[in-house]
């Protein structure tokens, strides 16, 4: 697919690949079963969407202006619902059960949000500290372990004990 504007995040749901277009201020999608897929706008007029994660039909995403938002991808014209509007610089997302985990790369804090609450609040669960000269740019769960990746390190965080292990990645 050509014509993307600085794609930064990907997520798959059914036969569709959803793409966060950072400089395009939108989320688009393509049908991965098509030989020559057409880029389809899902939602536009965002503030530099960065990371995407699905929970059921809800697509959660970060926005540069300090927001975590979601859309229901089953809607023909999805409405953007802001979940959190007060996080500094959300650069990574992960979902485990009904909890959304988000990393703030300006403050080096990992937050947890209960996405079943009507008015969810940021719960600070771990200050990672400035281990990396850049920022954490992705999170992924395996069981109770949350893996975080930065420019040269991988962190493993046990969510039950909130213990942190760090490993350097060398070429």
N, C-alpha and C. Protein backbone atom coordinates (compact mmCIF):
# COMPACT_ATOMS: atom_id res chain seq x y z
N UNK A 1 0.85 -1.18 0.00
CA UNK A 1 0.00 0.00 0.00
C UNK A 1 0.89 1.23 0.00
N UNK A 2 0.62 2.13 -0.89
CA UNK A 2 1.32 3.41 -0.96
C UNK A 2 0.43 4.50 -0.38
N UNK A 3 1.02 5.64 -0.11
CA UNK A 3 0.24 6.79 0.30
C UNK A 3 0.06 6.94 1.79
N UNK A 4 0.78 6.15 2.60
CA UNK A 4 0.69 6.29 4.05
C UNK A 4 1.48 7.50 4.52
N UNK A 5 1.04 8.12 5.60
CA UNK A 5 1.68 9.31 6.11
C UNK A 5 2.29 9.03 7.49
N UNK A 6 3.55 8.55 7.47
CA UNK A 6 4.32 8.23 8.68
C UNK A 6 3.60 7.22 9.56
N UNK A 7 3.41 5.99 9.06
CA UNK A 7 2.73 4.97 9.86
C UNK A 7 3.56 4.59 11.08
N UNK A 8 2.91 4.50 12.26
CA UNK A 8 3.63 4.22 13.50
C UNK A 8 3.08 3.03 14.27
N UNK A 9 1.80 2.72 14.12
CA UNK A 9 1.23 1.63 14.90
C UNK A 9 0.38 0.74 14.01
N UNK A 10 0.33 -0.57 14.37
CA UNK A 10 -0.46 -1.54 13.63
C UNK A 10 -1.27 -2.39 14.60
N UNK A 11 -2.43 -2.83 14.14
CA UNK A 11 -3.24 -3.79 14.89
C UNK A 11 -4.12 -4.53 13.89
N UNK A 12 -4.35 -5.82 14.15
CA UNK A 12 -5.17 -6.63 13.25
C UNK A 12 -6.45 -7.04 13.95
N UNK A 13 -7.55 -6.93 13.23
CA UNK A 13 -8.86 -7.39 13.69
C UNK A 13 -9.55 -8.01 12.49
N UNK A 14 -9.93 -9.27 12.64
CA UNK A 14 -10.55 -10.02 11.55
C UNK A 14 -9.64 -9.95 10.33
N UNK A 15 -10.13 -9.49 9.20
CA UNK A 15 -9.32 -9.44 7.98
C UNK A 15 -8.73 -8.06 7.72
N UNK A 16 -8.72 -7.21 8.72
CA UNK A 16 -8.26 -5.84 8.51
C UNK A 16 -7.01 -5.52 9.32
N UNK A 17 -6.10 -4.82 8.66
CA UNK A 17 -4.92 -4.29 9.31
C UNK A 17 -5.17 -2.79 9.51
N UNK A 18 -5.18 -2.36 10.76
CA UNK A 18 -5.40 -0.96 11.12
C UNK A 18 -4.04 -0.29 11.28
N UNK A 19 -3.94 0.94 10.79
CA UNK A 19 -2.67 1.65 10.75
C UNK A 19 -2.85 3.04 11.37
N UNK A 20 -2.00 3.36 12.35
CA UNK A 20 -1.97 4.72 12.91
C UNK A 20 -1.04 5.54 12.03
N UNK A 21 -1.59 6.57 11.39
CA UNK A 21 -0.80 7.44 10.54
C UNK A 21 -0.51 8.73 11.30
N UNK A 22 0.69 8.77 11.85
CA UNK A 22 1.11 9.85 12.75
C UNK A 22 1.01 11.22 12.09
N UNK A 23 1.64 11.40 10.95
CA UNK A 23 1.59 12.70 10.28
C UNK A 23 0.28 12.93 9.53
N UNK A 24 -0.46 11.87 9.27
CA UNK A 24 -1.75 12.00 8.59
C UNK A 24 -2.89 12.28 9.54
N UNK A 25 -2.61 12.21 10.86
CA UNK A 25 -3.63 12.46 11.89
C UNK A 25 -4.87 11.60 11.71
N UNK A 26 -4.64 10.32 11.39
CA UNK A 26 -5.78 9.43 11.16
C UNK A 26 -5.41 7.98 11.42
N UNK A 27 -6.44 7.18 11.50
CA UNK A 27 -6.30 5.73 11.52
C UNK A 27 -6.97 5.22 10.25
N UNK A 28 -6.25 4.42 9.52
CA UNK A 28 -6.78 3.84 8.30
C UNK A 28 -6.71 2.32 8.40
N UNK A 29 -7.25 1.63 7.40
CA UNK A 29 -7.20 0.18 7.40
C UNK A 29 -7.13 -0.33 5.97
N UNK A 30 -6.67 -1.59 5.86
CA UNK A 30 -6.69 -2.30 4.59
C UNK A 30 -7.21 -3.70 4.85
N UNK A 31 -7.82 -4.30 3.84
CA UNK A 31 -8.24 -5.69 3.88
C UNK A 31 -7.03 -6.54 3.50
N UNK A 32 -6.53 -7.34 4.44
CA UNK A 32 -5.31 -8.09 4.20
C UNK A 32 -5.51 -9.27 3.25
N UNK A 33 -6.76 -9.58 2.91
CA UNK A 33 -7.02 -10.68 1.97
C UNK A 33 -7.03 -10.21 0.52
N UNK A 34 -7.04 -8.90 0.30
CA UNK A 34 -7.04 -8.38 -1.06
C UNK A 34 -5.62 -8.39 -1.64
N UNK A 35 -5.52 -8.72 -2.92
CA UNK A 35 -4.23 -8.72 -3.58
C UNK A 35 -3.67 -7.31 -3.69
N UNK A 36 -4.50 -6.36 -4.07
CA UNK A 36 -4.12 -4.96 -4.15
C UNK A 36 -5.04 -4.16 -3.24
N UNK A 37 -4.74 -4.16 -1.93
CA UNK A 37 -5.66 -3.51 -0.99
C UNK A 37 -5.75 -2.00 -1.19
N UNK A 38 -6.92 -1.48 -0.88
CA UNK A 38 -7.18 -0.05 -0.93
C UNK A 38 -7.16 0.50 0.49
N UNK A 39 -6.49 1.62 0.65
CA UNK A 39 -6.42 2.28 1.95
C UNK A 39 -7.76 2.95 2.25
N UNK A 40 -8.34 2.62 3.41
CA UNK A 40 -9.65 3.15 3.81
C UNK A 40 -9.47 3.96 5.09
N UNK A 41 -9.92 5.20 5.09
CA UNK A 41 -9.90 6.01 6.32
C UNK A 41 -10.93 5.48 7.30
N UNK A 42 -10.52 5.25 8.53
CA UNK A 42 -11.43 4.81 9.59
C UNK A 42 -11.88 5.99 10.42
N UNK A 43 -10.91 6.79 10.88
CA UNK A 43 -11.20 8.00 11.65
C UNK A 43 -10.10 9.02 11.34
N UNK A 44 -10.50 10.28 11.17
CA UNK A 44 -9.56 11.34 10.80
C UNK A 44 -9.60 12.45 11.85
N UNK A 45 -8.82 13.48 11.63
CA UNK A 45 -8.75 14.65 12.51
C UNK A 45 -8.30 14.29 13.93
N UNK A 46 -7.36 13.35 14.03
CA UNK A 46 -6.77 12.99 15.31
C UNK A 46 -5.54 13.84 15.55
N UNK A 47 -4.91 13.68 16.71
CA UNK A 47 -3.68 14.40 17.03
C UNK A 47 -2.52 13.40 17.06
N UNK A 48 -1.99 13.09 15.89
CA UNK A 48 -0.83 12.23 15.74
C UNK A 48 -0.99 10.89 16.49
N UNK A 49 -1.89 10.02 16.00
CA UNK A 49 -2.05 8.71 16.64
C UNK A 49 -0.75 7.91 16.52
N UNK A 50 -0.45 7.16 17.57
CA UNK A 50 0.84 6.48 17.63
C UNK A 50 0.70 4.96 17.78
N UNK A 51 0.07 4.48 18.83
CA UNK A 51 -0.02 3.05 19.10
C UNK A 51 -1.47 2.60 19.12
N UNK A 52 -1.69 1.35 18.71
CA UNK A 52 -3.03 0.78 18.61
C UNK A 52 -3.07 -0.56 19.34
N UNK A 53 -4.19 -0.84 20.03
CA UNK A 53 -4.43 -2.15 20.65
C UNK A 53 -5.92 -2.41 20.67
N UNK A 54 -6.30 -3.65 20.37
CA UNK A 54 -7.70 -4.06 20.38
C UNK A 54 -8.09 -4.72 21.68
N UNK A 55 -9.33 -4.47 22.10
CA UNK A 55 -10.02 -5.22 23.14
C UNK A 55 -11.42 -5.43 22.58
N UNK A 56 -11.70 -6.63 22.09
CA UNK A 56 -12.96 -6.88 21.41
C UNK A 56 -13.05 -6.04 20.16
N UNK A 57 -14.16 -5.32 20.00
CA UNK A 57 -14.33 -4.44 18.85
C UNK A 57 -13.83 -3.03 19.09
N UNK A 58 -13.35 -2.77 20.29
CA UNK A 58 -12.82 -1.44 20.62
C UNK A 58 -11.34 -1.36 20.27
N UNK A 59 -10.99 -0.34 19.50
CA UNK A 59 -9.61 -0.07 19.15
C UNK A 59 -9.14 1.11 20.01
N UNK A 60 -8.22 0.83 20.93
CA UNK A 60 -7.65 1.85 21.80
C UNK A 60 -6.41 2.41 21.11
N UNK A 61 -6.18 3.73 21.28
CA UNK A 61 -5.01 4.33 20.65
C UNK A 61 -4.55 5.55 21.43
N UNK A 62 -3.26 5.84 21.30
CA UNK A 62 -2.68 7.02 21.92
C UNK A 62 -2.68 8.16 20.91
N UNK A 63 -2.72 9.38 21.44
CA UNK A 63 -2.59 10.57 20.62
C UNK A 63 -1.52 11.47 21.24
N UNK A 64 -0.78 12.14 20.39
CA UNK A 64 0.35 12.96 20.81
C UNK A 64 -0.03 13.99 21.88
N UNK A 65 -1.20 14.56 21.79
CA UNK A 65 -1.62 15.61 22.71
C UNK A 65 -1.98 15.13 24.10
N UNK A 66 -1.55 13.92 24.48
CA UNK A 66 -1.77 13.44 25.84
C UNK A 66 -3.07 12.69 26.05
N UNK A 67 -3.56 12.06 25.00
CA UNK A 67 -4.84 11.36 25.10
C UNK A 67 -4.69 9.86 24.84
N UNK A 68 -5.58 9.13 25.50
CA UNK A 68 -5.83 7.73 25.14
C UNK A 68 -7.30 7.69 24.77
N UNK A 69 -7.58 7.22 23.58
CA UNK A 69 -8.93 7.23 23.04
C UNK A 69 -9.29 5.85 22.53
N UNK A 70 -10.56 5.70 22.15
CA UNK A 70 -10.98 4.44 21.55
C UNK A 70 -12.09 4.70 20.54
N UNK A 71 -12.24 3.74 19.64
CA UNK A 71 -13.36 3.72 18.70
C UNK A 71 -13.89 2.29 18.65
N UNK A 72 -15.16 2.16 18.29
CA UNK A 72 -15.77 0.86 18.05
C UNK A 72 -15.69 0.64 16.54
N UNK A 73 -14.89 -0.33 16.10
CA UNK A 73 -14.66 -0.51 14.67
C UNK A 73 -15.85 -1.14 13.95
N UNK A 74 -16.89 -1.54 14.67
CA UNK A 74 -18.09 -2.07 14.01
C UNK A 74 -19.00 -0.95 13.53
N UNK A 75 -18.77 0.27 14.01
CA UNK A 75 -19.57 1.42 13.57
C UNK A 75 -19.14 1.85 12.17
N UNK A 76 -20.10 2.20 11.35
CA UNK A 76 -19.80 2.68 10.00
C UNK A 76 -18.96 3.96 10.05
N UNK A 77 -19.36 4.88 10.91
CA UNK A 77 -18.59 6.11 11.15
C UNK A 77 -18.29 6.13 12.65
N UNK A 78 -17.12 5.59 13.03
CA UNK A 78 -16.80 5.49 14.47
C UNK A 78 -16.66 6.85 15.14
N UNK A 79 -17.20 6.95 16.35
CA UNK A 79 -17.04 8.14 17.17
C UNK A 79 -15.83 7.94 18.08
N UNK A 80 -14.98 8.95 18.15
CA UNK A 80 -13.82 8.90 19.02
C UNK A 80 -14.26 9.20 20.44
N UNK A 81 -13.94 8.30 21.35
CA UNK A 81 -14.23 8.48 22.78
C UNK A 81 -12.91 8.62 23.50
N UNK A 82 -12.70 9.75 24.14
CA UNK A 82 -11.47 9.97 24.91
C UNK A 82 -11.62 9.27 26.25
N UNK A 83 -10.65 8.42 26.57
CA UNK A 83 -10.63 7.69 27.83
C UNK A 83 -9.86 8.47 28.89
N UNK A 84 -8.68 8.93 28.50
CA UNK A 84 -7.80 9.73 29.37
C UNK A 84 -7.33 10.92 28.55
N UNK A 85 -7.35 12.10 29.14
CA UNK A 85 -6.90 13.30 28.42
C UNK A 85 -5.77 14.02 29.15
N UNK A 86 -5.20 13.38 30.16
CA UNK A 86 -4.23 14.08 31.00
C UNK A 86 -2.90 13.35 31.14
N UNK A 87 -2.53 12.56 30.15
CA UNK A 87 -1.24 11.89 30.22
C UNK A 87 -0.25 12.67 29.36
N UNK A 88 0.98 12.76 29.82
CA UNK A 88 1.97 13.63 29.19
C UNK A 88 2.31 13.20 27.77
N UNK A 89 2.96 12.06 27.60
CA UNK A 89 3.41 11.61 26.28
C UNK A 89 3.27 10.09 26.19
N UNK A 90 2.06 9.61 25.88
CA UNK A 90 1.84 8.16 25.82
C UNK A 90 2.45 7.55 24.56
N UNK A 91 3.43 6.68 24.75
CA UNK A 91 4.13 6.11 23.59
C UNK A 91 3.95 4.61 23.42
N UNK A 92 3.30 3.95 24.36
CA UNK A 92 3.13 2.50 24.24
C UNK A 92 1.88 2.07 25.00
N UNK A 93 1.22 1.03 24.47
CA UNK A 93 -0.01 0.49 25.06
C UNK A 93 0.06 -1.02 25.12
N UNK A 94 -0.62 -1.60 26.10
CA UNK A 94 -0.84 -3.04 26.18
C UNK A 94 -2.14 -3.25 26.94
N UNK A 95 -2.82 -4.36 26.64
CA UNK A 95 -4.06 -4.69 27.34
C UNK A 95 -3.94 -6.10 27.89
N UNK A 96 -4.35 -6.24 29.15
CA UNK A 96 -4.37 -7.54 29.81
C UNK A 96 -5.68 -7.61 30.59
N UNK A 97 -6.61 -8.44 30.12
CA UNK A 97 -7.93 -8.50 30.74
C UNK A 97 -8.65 -7.18 30.52
N UNK A 98 -9.14 -6.58 31.60
CA UNK A 98 -9.83 -5.29 31.53
C UNK A 98 -8.93 -4.13 31.91
N UNK A 99 -7.64 -4.38 31.92
CA UNK A 99 -6.67 -3.33 32.29
C UNK A 99 -5.87 -2.93 31.06
N UNK A 100 -5.78 -1.62 30.87
CA UNK A 100 -4.96 -1.06 29.82
C UNK A 100 -3.73 -0.47 30.49
N UNK A 101 -2.57 -0.81 29.95
CA UNK A 101 -1.30 -0.31 30.47
C UNK A 101 -0.74 0.68 29.45
N UNK A 102 -0.26 1.80 29.93
CA UNK A 102 0.26 2.84 29.04
C UNK A 102 1.54 3.39 29.65
N UNK A 103 2.50 3.63 28.79
CA UNK A 103 3.77 4.18 29.25
C UNK A 103 3.88 5.63 28.84
N UNK A 104 4.23 6.49 29.79
CA UNK A 104 4.45 7.92 29.56
C UNK A 104 5.96 8.12 29.45
N UNK A 105 6.43 8.40 28.24
CA UNK A 105 7.86 8.51 28.00
C UNK A 105 8.48 9.81 28.48
N UNK A 106 7.69 10.82 28.80
CA UNK A 106 8.26 12.04 29.38
C UNK A 106 8.51 11.87 30.87
N UNK A 107 7.63 11.17 31.55
CA UNK A 107 7.76 11.00 33.00
C UNK A 107 8.34 9.65 33.40
N UNK A 108 8.51 8.74 32.44
CA UNK A 108 9.04 7.40 32.67
C UNK A 108 8.19 6.60 33.65
N UNK A 109 6.87 6.74 33.48
CA UNK A 109 5.92 6.08 34.39
C UNK A 109 5.04 5.14 33.60
N UNK A 110 4.82 3.96 34.18
CA UNK A 110 3.87 3.00 33.64
C UNK A 110 2.57 3.15 34.43
N UNK A 111 1.48 3.37 33.70
CA UNK A 111 0.17 3.54 34.30
C UNK A 111 -0.73 2.36 33.95
N UNK A 112 -1.74 2.16 34.79
CA UNK A 112 -2.77 1.15 34.54
C UNK A 112 -4.13 1.85 34.59
N UNK A 113 -5.02 1.40 33.72
CA UNK A 113 -6.36 1.97 33.63
C UNK A 113 -7.35 0.82 33.56
N UNK A 114 -8.40 0.87 34.37
CA UNK A 114 -9.48 -0.11 34.29
C UNK A 114 -10.45 0.38 33.23
N UNK A 115 -10.49 -0.31 32.08
CA UNK A 115 -11.29 0.16 30.95
C UNK A 115 -12.77 -0.16 31.09
N UNK A 116 -13.16 -0.83 32.19
CA UNK A 116 -14.59 -1.09 32.42
C UNK A 116 -15.25 0.03 33.22
N UNK A 117 -14.46 0.92 33.80
CA UNK A 117 -15.00 2.02 34.59
C UNK A 117 -15.59 3.10 33.69
N UNK A 118 -16.65 3.76 34.17
CA UNK A 118 -17.25 4.86 33.42
C UNK A 118 -16.34 6.07 33.34
N UNK A 119 -15.61 6.34 34.40
CA UNK A 119 -14.68 7.46 34.44
C UNK A 119 -13.31 6.93 34.85
N UNK A 120 -12.61 6.24 33.95
CA UNK A 120 -11.34 5.62 34.34
C UNK A 120 -10.29 6.63 34.73
N UNK A 121 -9.45 6.23 35.68
CA UNK A 121 -8.38 7.09 36.18
C UNK A 121 -7.03 6.42 35.93
N UNK A 122 -6.01 7.25 35.77
CA UNK A 122 -4.65 6.73 35.65
C UNK A 122 -4.18 6.28 37.02
N UNK A 123 -3.71 5.05 37.10
CA UNK A 123 -3.13 4.53 38.33
C UNK A 123 -1.64 4.32 38.07
N UNK A 124 -0.80 5.09 38.74
CA UNK A 124 0.64 4.94 38.59
C UNK A 124 1.06 3.65 39.25
N UNK A 125 1.67 2.75 38.47
CA UNK A 125 2.06 1.47 39.07
C UNK A 125 3.57 1.27 39.14
N UNK A 126 4.32 1.99 38.30
CA UNK A 126 5.76 1.78 38.33
C UNK A 126 6.47 2.96 37.66
N UNK A 127 7.47 3.49 38.37
CA UNK A 127 8.35 4.48 37.75
C UNK A 127 9.59 3.72 37.30
N UNK A 128 9.77 3.67 36.00
CA UNK A 128 10.87 2.88 35.45
C UNK A 128 12.17 3.66 35.55
N UNK A 129 12.12 4.96 35.56
CA UNK A 129 13.34 5.74 35.60
C UNK A 129 13.87 5.92 34.19
N UNK A 130 14.78 6.80 34.03
CA UNK A 130 15.28 7.10 32.69
C UNK A 130 16.42 6.13 32.33
N UNK A 131 16.04 4.86 32.08
CA UNK A 131 17.01 3.84 31.72
C UNK A 131 17.47 3.99 30.28
N UNK A 132 16.65 4.56 29.45
CA UNK A 132 16.88 4.57 28.03
C UNK A 132 16.99 6.02 27.56
N UNK A 133 17.90 6.32 26.65
CA UNK A 133 18.02 7.72 26.22
C UNK A 133 16.83 8.19 25.38
N UNK A 134 16.00 7.30 24.95
CA UNK A 134 14.86 7.68 24.13
C UNK A 134 13.57 7.40 24.89
N UNK A 135 12.77 6.47 24.44
CA UNK A 135 11.54 6.17 25.14
C UNK A 135 11.12 4.73 24.89
N UNK A 136 10.21 4.27 25.73
CA UNK A 136 9.62 2.95 25.53
C UNK A 136 8.66 3.08 24.37
N UNK A 137 8.84 2.26 23.34
CA UNK A 137 8.00 2.41 22.17
C UNK A 137 7.08 1.24 21.89
N UNK A 138 7.11 0.21 22.74
CA UNK A 138 6.12 -0.86 22.59
C UNK A 138 6.04 -1.68 23.86
N UNK A 139 4.84 -2.21 24.10
CA UNK A 139 4.56 -3.08 25.24
C UNK A 139 3.83 -4.31 24.74
N UNK A 140 4.12 -5.45 25.36
CA UNK A 140 3.42 -6.68 24.98
C UNK A 140 3.37 -7.62 26.19
N UNK A 141 2.23 -8.24 26.41
CA UNK A 141 2.05 -9.18 27.51
C UNK A 141 2.34 -10.61 27.11
N UNK A 142 2.90 -11.36 28.07
CA UNK A 142 2.99 -12.81 28.01
C UNK A 142 2.71 -13.30 29.43
N UNK A 143 1.50 -13.81 29.66
CA UNK A 143 1.09 -14.17 31.01
C UNK A 143 1.03 -12.94 31.88
N UNK A 144 1.68 -13.00 33.06
CA UNK A 144 1.72 -11.85 33.95
C UNK A 144 2.94 -10.96 33.71
N UNK A 145 3.72 -11.29 32.70
CA UNK A 145 4.89 -10.50 32.40
C UNK A 145 4.59 -9.51 31.27
N UNK A 146 4.95 -8.27 31.51
CA UNK A 146 4.79 -7.22 30.53
C UNK A 146 6.18 -6.88 30.00
N UNK A 147 6.37 -7.03 28.72
CA UNK A 147 7.64 -6.71 28.08
C UNK A 147 7.56 -5.30 27.50
N UNK A 148 8.60 -4.53 27.74
CA UNK A 148 8.69 -3.17 27.24
C UNK A 148 10.00 -3.06 26.47
N UNK A 149 9.93 -2.39 25.31
CA UNK A 149 11.14 -2.26 24.50
C UNK A 149 11.43 -0.80 24.25
N UNK A 150 12.71 -0.45 24.41
CA UNK A 150 13.19 0.89 24.10
C UNK A 150 14.19 0.79 22.97
N UNK A 151 15.07 1.77 22.86
CA UNK A 151 15.99 1.78 21.72
C UNK A 151 17.07 0.71 21.82
N UNK A 152 17.49 0.34 23.02
CA UNK A 152 18.56 -0.64 23.15
C UNK A 152 18.33 -1.62 24.29
N UNK A 153 17.18 -1.56 24.92
CA UNK A 153 16.93 -2.43 26.07
C UNK A 153 15.55 -3.03 25.99
N UNK A 154 15.44 -4.17 26.63
CA UNK A 154 14.14 -4.81 26.83
C UNK A 154 13.94 -4.93 28.33
N UNK A 155 12.78 -4.51 28.80
CA UNK A 155 12.44 -4.62 30.20
C UNK A 155 11.35 -5.67 30.35
N UNK A 156 11.42 -6.44 31.43
CA UNK A 156 10.36 -7.39 31.76
C UNK A 156 9.81 -6.98 33.11
N UNK A 157 8.51 -6.75 33.16
CA UNK A 157 7.86 -6.29 34.38
C UNK A 157 6.82 -7.32 34.78
N UNK A 158 6.95 -7.87 35.99
CA UNK A 158 5.93 -8.77 36.51
C UNK A 158 4.84 -7.90 37.11
N UNK A 159 3.65 -7.96 36.54
CA UNK A 159 2.56 -7.09 36.95
C UNK A 159 2.06 -7.42 38.36
N UNK A 160 2.15 -8.69 38.77
CA UNK A 160 1.71 -9.05 40.12
C UNK A 160 2.63 -8.48 41.19
N UNK A 161 3.93 -8.61 41.01
CA UNK A 161 4.88 -8.16 42.03
C UNK A 161 5.46 -6.77 41.72
N UNK A 162 5.20 -6.28 40.50
CA UNK A 162 5.75 -5.00 40.03
C UNK A 162 7.27 -4.98 40.11
N UNK A 163 7.87 -6.15 39.85
CA UNK A 163 9.33 -6.21 39.78
C UNK A 163 9.78 -5.96 38.35
N UNK A 164 10.95 -5.37 38.22
CA UNK A 164 11.47 -4.96 36.92
C UNK A 164 12.80 -5.65 36.68
N UNK A 165 12.93 -6.27 35.52
CA UNK A 165 14.21 -6.83 35.09
C UNK A 165 14.59 -6.08 33.81
N UNK A 166 15.88 -5.84 33.67
CA UNK A 166 16.36 -5.12 32.51
C UNK A 166 17.41 -5.96 31.80
N UNK A 167 17.40 -5.94 30.47
CA UNK A 167 18.45 -6.60 29.72
C UNK A 167 18.86 -5.72 28.55
N UNK A 168 20.14 -5.67 28.29
CA UNK A 168 20.65 -4.94 27.14
C UNK A 168 20.57 -5.84 25.92
N UNK A 169 20.30 -5.25 24.80
CA UNK A 169 20.28 -5.98 23.56
C UNK A 169 21.46 -5.52 22.74
N UNK A 170 22.36 -6.42 22.45
CA UNK A 170 23.55 -6.08 21.69
C UNK A 170 23.48 -6.65 20.29
N UNK A 171 24.06 -5.97 19.35
CA UNK A 171 24.11 -6.46 17.96
C UNK A 171 25.21 -7.48 17.82
